[in-house]
Amino acid sequence: MTRSLRPAGTALLAVVALLGSVLIATPADAAPGPTISITAPQSSSVKGLTTLSAKATTDPGDTFASVKLFVDNVDVQADASACIGTDVDCVISTDYDFTNASGQHTVSAQVVTLSTATSTDSVTFTVANPLPTVSIANPGTVIGSVDISVQAGTDSALSDYPKTIAVVVDAGTAGARTLTPVTCNGVGDRTCSGTTPWNSSALSGTHTITATVTTTNGATNTASRDVTVVSPAPTVSITDPTGGSTVSGTVVVSATASTDIRLS
């Protein structure tokens, strides 16, 4: 904390002693002057919408001329109307949105009194905004045409909301398949869920599904999971002649075949 103290003016504590013709006078103690201290945030790490506040004091009769809060030296226009023109201890407070400001920041406060005495205080902290969440809910084994279920969300302290969830199969490979993205409600809805169709027919083996959420403020996060595609072989059977029967001459042989209803 830094401060500048106002002069004591002409106030004197008169201690007079008559020693011959010598008059001795001792000056009164200087007034302590104004002070200000930041009371919030008190944590070294914050996120999203954060309350900033500071408490100011001054000497009796030396009223507040201005009390201000700054973020990185920019005045945040906090309401100080309850302080101005008074000499009573007061608190100035405002909410500041750090949603798009991850990293280190400094909040500072300044008080100036009518006599132009000043005092300042500052704190430095880290804004650590959490990434949006995203997950894939499908089982590990699929057959044929399936719906890929995904969901996403954002932290309640942030002014940020899921916007879209992109889904890709085998991203970064020559056989990558981009599926239809899930569109979210956007501003006002912190959660998002939906499905996107995938025809896995003829793709037997292990594949990686990747889901990427993008928020209204441009934040992203990705989740992935491996799935095993099983493609059942078709079935075939002879229906005529029946097993164990005896035939002669020319006969008609009948057979039926089928594939799994989930396959294309």
Protein backbone atom coordinates (compact mmCIF):
# COMPACT_ATOMS: atom_id res chain seq x y z
CA MET A 1 0.00 0.00 0.00
CA THR A 2 1.23 3.51 -0.84
CA ARG A 3 -0.09 6.77 0.49
CA SER A 4 0.66 10.51 0.62
CA LEU A 5 -0.15 12.28 3.79
CA ARG A 6 -1.68 15.75 3.89
CA PRO A 7 0.16 18.51 5.81
CA ALA A 8 -0.92 19.24 9.33
CA GLY A 9 -1.78 22.83 8.36
CA THR A 10 -1.24 25.46 11.00
CA ALA A 11 -2.32 23.27 13.89
CA LEU A 12 0.17 23.55 16.73
CA LEU A 13 0.26 22.07 20.11
CA ALA A 14 1.39 25.09 22.06
CA VAL A 15 3.80 24.17 24.71
CA VAL A 16 5.04 27.43 26.00
CA ALA A 17 7.88 27.84 28.41
CA LEU A 18 9.33 31.10 29.36
CA LEU A 19 13.06 30.78 29.54
CA GLY A 20 14.27 34.32 29.56
CA SER A 21 12.90 35.72 26.30
CA VAL A 22 12.74 32.26 24.45
CA LEU A 23 9.33 30.87 23.30
CA ILE A 24 9.37 27.10 22.48
CA ALA A 25 6.53 25.59 20.37
CA THR A 26 6.15 21.83 19.50
CA PRO A 27 4.15 20.89 16.30
CA ALA A 28 1.21 18.55 16.69
CA ASP A 29 1.41 15.00 15.19
CA ALA A 30 0.53 14.85 11.48
CA ALA A 31 -2.90 13.36 10.71
CA PRO A 32 -2.68 9.75 9.42
CA GLY A 33 -4.31 10.55 6.09
CA PRO A 34 -6.56 8.33 3.95
CA THR A 35 -6.09 4.58 3.46
CA ILE A 36 -7.53 2.06 1.05
CA SER A 37 -7.22 -1.71 0.97
CA ILE A 38 -8.56 -4.27 -1.49
CA THR A 39 -10.90 -6.72 0.23
CA ALA A 40 -11.82 -8.87 -2.80
CA PRO A 41 -10.69 -10.96 -4.50
CA GLN A 42 -8.91 -12.68 -1.62
CA SER A 43 -7.97 -15.78 -3.60
CA SER A 44 -4.86 -16.00 -5.76
CA SER A 45 -6.95 -17.66 -8.47
CA VAL A 46 -10.39 -16.62 -9.78
CA LYS A 47 -12.67 -17.44 -12.70
CA GLY A 48 -15.43 -15.79 -14.70
CA LEU A 49 -17.62 -13.23 -12.98
CA THR A 50 -15.67 -11.99 -9.94
CA THR A 51 -16.49 -9.44 -7.22
CA LEU A 52 -13.92 -6.66 -6.74
CA SER A 53 -14.07 -4.49 -3.62
CA ALA A 54 -11.98 -2.13 -1.50
CA LYS A 55 -12.40 -0.36 1.84
CA ALA A 56 -11.43 3.30 2.19
CA THR A 57 -10.85 5.45 5.30
CA THR A 58 -10.06 9.13 5.80
CA ASP A 59 -9.49 11.70 8.53
CA PRO A 60 -12.46 13.44 10.12
CA GLY A 61 -13.38 16.47 8.06
CA ASP A 62 -11.29 15.46 5.04
CA THR A 63 -14.01 14.00 2.84
CA PHE A 64 -13.57 11.59 -0.04
CA ALA A 65 -13.17 13.24 -3.46
CA SER A 66 -12.84 9.99 -5.43
CA VAL A 67 -12.61 6.26 -4.75
CA LYS A 68 -11.82 4.05 -7.75
CA LEU A 69 -11.10 0.46 -8.76
CA PHE A 70 -8.93 -0.50 -11.74
CA VAL A 71 -8.23 -3.73 -13.60
CA ASP A 72 -4.84 -3.62 -15.28
CA ASN A 73 -4.85 0.20 -14.90
CA VAL A 74 -8.26 0.59 -16.57
CA ASP A 75 -10.99 2.24 -14.48
CA VAL A 76 -13.87 -0.24 -14.11
CA GLN A 77 -16.32 2.57 -13.25
CA ALA A 78 -17.35 1.16 -9.87
CA ASP A 79 -20.13 3.07 -8.11
CA ALA A 80 -18.55 5.23 -5.38
CA SER A 81 -21.51 7.52 -4.76
CA ALA A 82 -21.85 6.29 -1.15
CA CYS A 83 -18.33 7.52 -0.42
CA ILE A 84 -18.05 10.88 -2.15
CA GLY A 85 -18.46 13.87 0.15
CA THR A 86 -18.30 11.83 3.36
CA ASP A 87 -15.53 11.15 5.86
CA VAL A 88 -17.00 7.84 7.05
CA ASP A 89 -15.28 4.52 6.24
CA CYS A 90 -16.82 3.12 3.07
CA VAL A 91 -16.61 0.14 0.71
CA ILE A 92 -16.63 0.32 -3.07
CA SER A 93 -17.57 -2.82 -4.99
CA THR A 94 -18.33 -4.09 -8.51
CA ASP A 95 -18.56 -7.36 -10.42
CA TYR A 96 -16.07 -7.86 -13.25
CA ASP A 97 -16.30 -10.57 -15.91
CA PHE A 98 -12.99 -12.35 -16.54
CA THR A 99 -14.56 -14.99 -18.82
CA ASN A 100 -12.34 -14.04 -21.77
CA ALA A 101 -9.32 -13.00 -19.73
CA SER A 102 -7.43 -16.09 -18.54
CA GLY A 103 -3.97 -15.30 -17.20
CA GLN A 104 -2.44 -12.88 -14.68
CA HIS A 105 -4.15 -9.58 -13.83
CA THR A 106 -3.83 -6.77 -11.30
CA VAL A 107 -6.66 -5.04 -9.46
CA SER A 108 -5.78 -1.70 -7.90
CA ALA A 109 -7.68 0.85 -5.84
CA GLN A 110 -7.15 4.56 -5.28
CA VAL A 111 -8.65 7.06 -2.86
CA VAL A 112 -8.28 10.85 -3.13
CA THR A 113 -9.60 13.22 -0.47
CA LEU A 114 -10.72 16.84 -0.64
CA SER A 115 -7.30 17.96 0.56
CA THR A 116 -5.76 15.97 -2.36
CA ALA A 117 -4.22 13.36 -0.06
CA THR A 118 -4.09 9.97 -1.76
CA SER A 119 -3.62 6.27 -0.99
CA THR A 120 -3.44 3.20 -3.24
CA ASP A 121 -3.44 -0.58 -2.94
CA SER A 122 -3.14 -3.42 -5.47
CA VAL A 123 -3.28 -7.21 -5.71
CA THR A 124 -2.18 -9.53 -8.50
CA PHE A 125 -3.90 -12.85 -9.17
CA THR A 126 -4.42 -15.47 -11.85
CA VAL A 127 -7.65 -15.96 -13.81
CA ALA A 128 -8.03 -19.70 -14.46
CA ASN A 129 -11.19 -20.19 -16.50
CA PRO A 130 -12.09 -23.89 -16.91
CA LEU A 131 -12.49 -25.30 -20.41
CA PRO A 132 -15.92 -26.48 -21.54
CA THR A 133 -16.64 -30.15 -20.95
CA VAL A 134 -17.51 -32.66 -23.68
CA SER A 135 -18.14 -36.40 -23.65
CA ILE A 136 -19.20 -39.28 -25.92
CA ALA A 137 -21.82 -41.60 -24.47
CA ASN A 138 -21.93 -44.48 -26.98
CA PRO A 139 -21.09 -48.07 -26.03
CA GLY A 140 -17.76 -49.53 -27.06
CA THR A 141 -19.19 -51.91 -29.70
CA VAL A 142 -21.42 -50.90 -32.61
CA ILE A 143 -23.03 -52.61 -35.57
CA GLY A 144 -24.10 -50.92 -38.78
CA SER A 145 -26.04 -47.67 -38.56
CA VAL A 146 -25.88 -46.10 -35.11
CA ASP A 147 -26.45 -42.73 -33.43
CA ILE A 148 -23.41 -41.20 -31.75
CA SER A 149 -24.52 -39.48 -28.52
CA VAL A 150 -22.52 -36.46 -27.30
CA GLN A 151 -22.96 -33.84 -24.61
CA ALA A 152 -21.17 -30.66 -23.52
CA GLY A 153 -21.35 -27.97 -20.85
CA THR A 154 -19.70 -24.82 -19.45
CA ASP A 155 -18.89 -23.63 -15.92
CA SER A 156 -21.63 -21.66 -14.15
CA ALA A 157 -19.19 -18.80 -13.32
CA LEU A 158 -18.53 -18.06 -16.98
CA SER A 159 -20.53 -15.98 -19.43
CA ASP A 160 -19.98 -18.68 -22.05
CA TYR A 161 -22.20 -21.40 -23.51
CA PRO A 162 -21.85 -24.45 -25.82
CA LYS A 163 -22.44 -23.53 -29.45
CA THR A 164 -21.67 -26.64 -31.52
CA ILE A 165 -20.28 -30.15 -31.05
CA ALA A 166 -18.36 -31.46 -34.06
CA VAL A 167 -17.99 -35.25 -34.41
CA VAL A 168 -15.32 -36.94 -36.54
CA VAL A 169 -14.50 -40.63 -36.98
CA ASP A 170 -10.81 -41.46 -37.34
CA ALA A 171 -9.74 -37.79 -37.40
CA GLY A 172 -6.37 -37.15 -39.01
CA THR A 173 -6.42 -40.31 -41.12
CA ALA A 174 -7.06 -40.86 -44.81
CA GLY A 175 -10.37 -42.50 -43.96
CA ALA A 176 -11.62 -39.72 -41.70
CA ARG A 177 -15.39 -39.18 -41.74
CA THR A 178 -16.95 -35.92 -40.57
CA LEU A 179 -20.44 -36.50 -39.21
CA THR A 180 -23.27 -33.99 -38.93
CA PRO A 181 -22.45 -31.60 -36.05
CA VAL A 182 -24.76 -31.14 -33.08
CA THR A 183 -26.09 -27.58 -32.83
CA CYS A 184 -26.63 -26.21 -29.31
CA ASN A 185 -29.01 -23.54 -28.03
CA GLY A 186 -26.18 -21.08 -27.40
CA VAL A 187 -26.43 -18.11 -25.02
CA GLY A 188 -28.46 -18.89 -21.93
CA ASP A 189 -28.12 -22.69 -22.01
CA ARG A 190 -25.03 -24.11 -20.29
CA THR A 191 -25.66 -27.72 -21.33
CA CYS A 192 -25.99 -29.30 -24.75
CA SER A 193 -26.65 -32.86 -25.86
CA GLY A 194 -27.61 -34.56 -29.09
CA THR A 195 -26.97 -37.39 -31.51
CA THR A 196 -25.47 -37.69 -34.97
CA PRO A 197 -25.89 -40.75 -37.26
CA TRP A 198 -22.98 -42.92 -38.39
CA ASN A 199 -23.18 -45.81 -40.86
CA SER A 200 -20.40 -48.13 -39.80
CA SER A 201 -21.29 -50.92 -42.24
CA ALA A 202 -18.25 -52.55 -43.88
CA LEU A 203 -15.97 -50.82 -41.38
CA SER A 204 -15.19 -53.76 -39.13
CA GLY A 205 -12.43 -53.11 -36.65
CA THR A 206 -11.46 -50.39 -34.14
CA HIS A 207 -12.21 -46.74 -34.85
CA THR A 208 -11.78 -43.52 -32.88
CA ILE A 209 -14.65 -41.09 -32.45
CA THR A 210 -13.67 -37.50 -31.60
CA ALA A 211 -16.08 -34.84 -30.34
CA THR A 212 -15.07 -31.16 -30.16
CA VAL A 213 -17.21 -28.54 -28.44
CA THR A 214 -16.94 -24.87 -29.42
CA THR A 215 -18.50 -22.22 -27.16
CA THR A 216 -20.09 -18.87 -27.93
CA ASN A 217 -16.82 -17.19 -26.89
CA GLY A 218 -14.67 -19.50 -29.01
CA ALA A 219 -13.33 -21.79 -26.28
CA THR A 220 -12.87 -25.41 -27.34
CA ASN A 221 -12.28 -28.82 -25.81
CA THR A 222 -12.09 -32.33 -27.25
CA ALA A 223 -12.95 -35.83 -26.09
CA SER A 224 -12.40 -39.12 -27.88
CA ARG A 225 -13.12 -42.81 -27.44
CA ASP A 226 -12.41 -46.00 -29.34
CA VAL A 227 -15.25 -48.18 -30.60
CA THR A 228 -15.23 -51.62 -32.17
CA VAL A 229 -17.34 -52.08 -35.27
CA VAL A 230 -18.72 -55.57 -35.72
CA SER A 231 -20.16 -56.55 -39.10
CA PRO A 232 -22.00 -59.90 -38.81
CA ALA A 233 -21.60 -62.19 -41.81
CA PRO A 234 -24.72 -62.78 -43.94
CA THR A 235 -26.65 -66.00 -43.37
CA VAL A 236 -27.72 -68.52 -46.03
CA SER A 237 -29.74 -71.76 -45.84
CA ILE A 238 -31.17 -74.33 -48.28
CA THR A 239 -34.89 -74.69 -47.90
CA ASP A 240 -35.60 -77.23 -50.63
CA PRO A 241 -34.94 -80.07 -50.88
CA THR A 242 -35.06 -80.58 -47.19
CA GLY A 243 -32.31 -82.26 -45.35
CA GLY A 244 -32.32 -86.09 -45.56
CA SER A 245 -34.75 -86.24 -48.49
CA THR A 246 -34.12 -88.35 -51.61
CA VAL A 247 -34.36 -86.75 -55.04
CA SER A 248 -34.01 -87.91 -58.63
CA GLY A 249 -34.02 -86.31 -61.99
CA THR A 250 -34.26 -82.59 -62.28
CA VAL A 251 -35.10 -80.79 -59.07
CA VAL A 252 -35.43 -77.20 -57.97
CA VAL A 253 -33.08 -76.15 -55.22
CA SER A 254 -34.29 -73.25 -53.08
CA ALA A 255 -32.27 -71.18 -50.65
CA THR A 256 -32.67 -68.06 -48.54
CA ALA A 257 -30.12 -65.51 -47.46
CA SER A 258 -30.21 -62.52 -45.09
CA THR A 259 -28.05 -59.83 -43.54
CA ASP A 260 -28.25 -58.08 -40.18
CA ILE A 261 -31.01 -55.49 -40.19
CA ARG A 262 -28.53 -52.90 -38.83
CA LEU A 263 -26.27 -53.20 -41.88
CA SER A 264 -26.61 -51.30 -45.12
